[in-house]
Amino acid sequence: MAAITAQMVKDLRDATGAGPLDCKKALEQNDGDVNKAIEYLREKGLARAAKKLGAGRAMNEGLIYTYSHHNKRLGVIVEVNCETDFVANTDQFQAFSRNVALHIANLAPEYVQREDVPEAVVQAERALQKRRAIDEGKPEAVAEKIVEGRMNKFFEEIVLLEQPFIMDDSKTIAQLLAETVAGVGESIQIRRFARFALGESDSADDNA
């Protein structure tokens, strides 16, 4: 195993913002490889974030972020909640809120999470996709698997958290959220949003 020096720990702390003990452990776990240690800390942070996201914490602070396109023909309002006003005022939280609003403006999701999609809408889409698979000559068992794949694609198109982030399509909005939770150290949720575009019907604009 490579010798872990104080300078290596300091450099890793500067790069990640993690505590000294976590940095030392990350370097030890990865035989002194700094890049692997950074990835180790990132994954550890996301694991902690996942626990926070599912911890049922009260999120009564946050902000209402508004975005208006340069031609004033498109606008977004999004409510993002966190636990404390301290985090609400951090650059990272505000940058996340801004990025989410920009993403909504461009990709026009209809719902925040999969659970928000009305069951009638889900069942209608599922029936449509199964009918298409059968019409394509697929056996029943194969058709069911095809339907599941197509339903995941359907949710990706209309559900905010499942969409690839417009500024980095290697991650979804849900992953961006988890990274932000790991960064600020407390729970965050995208509660609701509204998207307004001239000429569009009201039904596509609000998902409160």
Protein backbone atom coordinates (compact mmCIF):
# COMPACT_ATOMS: atom_id res chain seq x y z
CA MET A 1 0.00 0.00 0.00
CA ALA A 2 1.24 3.49 -0.86
CA ALA A 3 2.23 5.70 2.09
CA ILE A 4 -0.47 8.28 2.78
CA THR A 5 1.12 11.63 3.57
CA ALA A 6 -0.37 14.71 5.22
CA GLN A 7 0.10 16.61 1.95
CA MET A 8 -1.92 14.00 0.06
CA VAL A 9 -4.73 14.34 2.60
CA LYS A 10 -4.58 18.13 2.34
CA ASP A 11 -4.70 18.05 -1.46
CA LEU A 12 -7.70 15.73 -1.39
CA ARG A 13 -9.45 17.97 1.13
CA ASP A 14 -8.84 20.99 -1.09
CA ALA A 15 -10.27 19.12 -4.08
CA THR A 16 -13.37 17.71 -2.40
CA GLY A 17 -14.11 19.67 0.77
CA ALA A 18 -14.36 16.38 2.70
CA GLY A 19 -13.08 16.00 6.26
CA PRO A 20 -9.50 14.88 6.98
CA LEU A 21 -10.47 11.46 8.33
CA ASP A 22 -12.68 10.77 5.31
CA CYS A 23 -9.89 11.86 2.96
CA LYS A 24 -7.32 9.65 4.71
CA LYS A 25 -9.67 6.67 4.56
CA ALA A 26 -10.44 7.30 0.89
CA LEU A 27 -6.75 7.36 0.04
CA GLU A 28 -6.10 4.21 2.06
CA GLN A 29 -9.00 2.41 0.37
CA ASN A 30 -7.64 3.33 -3.05
CA ASP A 31 -3.89 2.80 -2.49
CA GLY A 32 -3.09 6.50 -2.66
CA ASP A 33 -4.76 7.04 -6.05
CA VAL A 34 -6.20 10.58 -5.81
CA ASN A 35 -8.65 10.25 -8.70
CA LYS A 36 -10.08 7.03 -7.32
CA ALA A 37 -10.24 8.62 -3.86
CA ILE A 38 -12.24 11.55 -5.24
CA GLU A 39 -14.71 9.13 -6.86
CA TYR A 40 -14.88 7.13 -3.61
CA LEU A 41 -15.77 10.28 -1.66
CA ARG A 42 -18.31 11.29 -4.29
CA GLU A 43 -20.08 7.94 -4.09
CA LYS A 44 -19.99 8.06 -0.30
CA GLY A 45 -21.51 11.52 -0.37
CA LEU A 46 -24.28 10.38 -2.69
CA ALA A 47 -25.03 7.44 -0.39
CA ARG A 48 -25.39 9.84 2.51
CA ALA A 49 -27.58 12.04 0.35
CA ALA A 50 -29.86 9.11 -0.44
CA LYS A 51 -30.36 8.53 3.29
CA LYS A 52 -31.20 12.20 3.79
CA LEU A 53 -33.65 12.15 0.89
CA GLY A 54 -35.51 9.27 2.49
CA ALA A 55 -35.32 10.45 6.08
CA GLY A 56 -38.64 12.28 6.17
CA ARG A 57 -37.03 15.53 7.28
CA ALA A 58 -39.12 18.71 7.40
CA MET A 59 -38.30 21.01 4.48
CA ASN A 60 -40.02 24.31 5.14
CA GLU A 61 -37.32 26.66 3.86
CA GLY A 62 -36.00 27.24 0.35
CA LEU A 63 -36.90 29.63 -2.41
CA ILE A 64 -39.16 30.36 -5.34
CA TYR A 65 -36.96 30.71 -8.40
CA THR A 66 -38.23 32.41 -11.54
CA TYR A 67 -36.74 32.18 -15.00
CA SER A 68 -37.72 34.21 -18.03
CA HIS A 69 -36.43 33.51 -21.53
CA HIS A 70 -34.63 36.37 -23.25
CA ASN A 71 -37.56 37.07 -25.59
CA LYS A 72 -40.05 37.12 -22.69
CA ARG A 73 -42.19 34.46 -24.39
CA LEU A 74 -41.34 31.67 -21.95
CA GLY A 75 -41.15 31.62 -18.17
CA VAL A 76 -40.77 29.15 -15.31
CA ILE A 77 -41.54 29.32 -11.60
CA VAL A 78 -40.15 26.52 -9.43
CA GLU A 79 -40.35 25.97 -5.67
CA VAL A 80 -37.31 24.22 -4.19
CA ASN A 81 -37.36 23.37 -0.48
CA CYS A 82 -34.61 22.66 2.04
CA GLU A 83 -34.38 22.37 5.83
CA THR A 84 -32.77 25.70 6.78
CA ASP A 85 -32.60 29.25 5.48
CA PHE A 86 -28.81 28.99 5.79
CA VAL A 87 -28.72 26.39 3.01
CA ALA A 88 -31.33 28.31 1.02
CA ASN A 89 -28.88 31.21 0.86
CA THR A 90 -25.89 29.16 -0.29
CA ASP A 91 -24.55 29.54 -3.82
CA GLN A 92 -24.85 25.79 -4.43
CA PHE A 93 -28.55 25.65 -3.53
CA GLN A 94 -29.35 28.72 -5.60
CA ALA A 95 -27.35 27.41 -8.56
CA PHE A 96 -29.28 24.13 -8.35
CA SER A 97 -32.60 26.01 -8.34
CA ARG A 98 -31.51 28.10 -11.31
CA ASN A 99 -30.39 25.03 -13.26
CA VAL A 100 -33.66 23.24 -12.56
CA ALA A 101 -35.67 26.24 -13.78
CA LEU A 102 -33.56 26.45 -16.94
CA HIS A 103 -34.01 22.72 -17.51
CA ILE A 104 -37.79 22.97 -17.11
CA ALA A 105 -37.92 25.86 -19.57
CA ASN A 106 -36.16 23.82 -22.24
CA LEU A 107 -37.40 20.26 -21.72
CA ALA A 108 -40.98 21.04 -20.58
CA PRO A 109 -41.60 18.19 -18.09
CA GLU A 110 -45.17 17.81 -16.86
CA TYR A 111 -44.65 16.26 -13.41
CA VAL A 112 -41.99 16.36 -10.70
CA GLN A 113 -41.85 12.62 -10.00
CA ARG A 114 -43.31 9.42 -11.42
CA GLU A 115 -45.78 9.13 -8.55
CA ASP A 116 -47.38 12.43 -9.61
CA VAL A 117 -48.51 11.08 -12.97
CA PRO A 118 -52.26 10.26 -12.75
CA GLU A 119 -52.94 6.53 -12.79
CA ALA A 120 -55.42 6.96 -15.64
CA VAL A 121 -52.67 8.52 -17.78
CA VAL A 122 -50.26 5.69 -16.93
CA GLN A 123 -52.79 2.96 -17.71
CA ALA A 124 -53.81 4.58 -20.99
CA GLU A 125 -50.17 4.81 -22.11
CA ARG A 126 -49.47 1.23 -21.00
CA ALA A 127 -52.49 -0.05 -22.96
CA LEU A 128 -51.39 1.92 -26.03
CA GLN A 129 -47.85 0.55 -25.90
CA LYS A 130 -49.08 -3.03 -25.42
CA ARG A 131 -51.43 -2.70 -28.38
CA ARG A 132 -48.54 -1.43 -30.51
CA ALA A 133 -46.29 -4.30 -29.43
CA ILE A 134 -48.98 -6.87 -30.26
CA ASP A 135 -49.62 -5.18 -33.62
CA GLU A 136 -45.89 -5.51 -34.32
CA GLY A 137 -46.32 -9.27 -34.00
CA LYS A 138 -44.60 -9.69 -30.64
CA PRO A 139 -45.62 -12.67 -28.43
CA GLU A 140 -47.45 -11.77 -25.21
CA ALA A 141 -44.44 -12.37 -22.91
CA VAL A 142 -42.12 -10.38 -25.15
CA ALA A 143 -44.71 -7.63 -25.52
CA GLU A 144 -44.83 -7.15 -21.75
CA LYS A 145 -41.06 -6.59 -21.59
CA ILE A 146 -41.23 -4.17 -24.50
CA VAL A 147 -44.02 -2.26 -22.77
CA GLU A 148 -41.92 -1.84 -19.60
CA GLY A 149 -39.04 -0.40 -21.60
CA ARG A 150 -41.33 1.96 -23.46
CA MET A 151 -43.03 3.05 -20.22
CA ASN A 152 -39.65 3.98 -18.75
CA LYS A 153 -39.03 6.10 -21.85
CA PHE A 154 -42.49 7.65 -21.46
CA PHE A 155 -41.74 8.66 -17.86
CA GLU A 156 -38.35 10.02 -18.88
CA GLU A 157 -40.08 12.34 -21.33
CA ILE A 158 -42.62 13.82 -18.90
CA VAL A 159 -41.17 13.42 -15.37
CA LEU A 160 -38.66 16.05 -14.26
CA LEU A 161 -36.58 13.87 -11.93
CA GLU A 162 -36.13 11.19 -14.61
CA GLN A 163 -35.05 13.51 -17.42
CA PRO A 164 -31.36 13.76 -18.37
CA PHE A 165 -30.06 17.12 -17.14
CA ILE A 166 -29.95 19.53 -20.07
CA MET A 167 -26.48 20.82 -19.15
CA ASP A 168 -24.99 17.35 -18.57
CA ASP A 169 -26.96 14.43 -19.98
CA SER A 170 -24.71 11.92 -18.23
CA LYS A 171 -26.88 12.47 -15.14
CA THR A 172 -30.59 12.82 -14.47
CA ILE A 173 -32.21 15.62 -12.48
CA ALA A 174 -32.62 13.08 -9.65
CA GLN A 175 -28.86 12.49 -9.66
CA LEU A 176 -28.21 16.23 -9.78
CA LEU A 177 -30.51 16.58 -6.77
CA ALA A 178 -28.63 13.85 -4.87
CA GLU A 179 -25.30 15.52 -5.61
CA THR A 180 -26.63 18.84 -4.32
CA VAL A 181 -27.95 17.19 -1.15
CA ALA A 182 -24.50 15.67 -0.61
CA GLY A 183 -22.90 19.06 -1.17
CA VAL A 184 -25.08 21.15 1.16
CA GLY A 185 -25.54 18.45 3.80
CA GLU A 186 -29.30 18.50 4.19
CA SER A 187 -32.47 17.35 2.45
CA ILE A 188 -33.77 19.15 -0.63
CA GLN A 189 -36.90 18.65 -2.68
CA ILE A 190 -38.34 20.13 -5.85
CA ARG A 191 -41.88 20.66 -4.64
CA ARG A 192 -43.67 22.05 -7.68
CA PHE A 193 -43.24 24.11 -10.80
CA ALA A 194 -45.17 25.94 -13.46
CA ARG A 195 -44.04 26.59 -17.01
CA PHE A 196 -45.65 29.28 -19.12
CA ALA A 197 -45.19 29.72 -22.87
CA LEU A 198 -47.13 32.01 -25.14
CA GLY A 199 -49.66 30.05 -27.19
CA GLU A 200 -49.60 26.90 -25.07
CA SER A 201 -52.69 25.57 -23.30
CA ASP A 202 -53.02 25.93 -19.53
CA SER A 203 -53.17 22.16 -19.01
CA ALA A 204 -49.48 21.79 -19.82
CA ASP A 205 -48.34 24.65 -17.66
CA ASP A 206 -49.12 23.75 -14.04
CA ASN A 207 -48.39 20.58 -12.05
CA ALA A 208 -48.81 21.73 -8.45
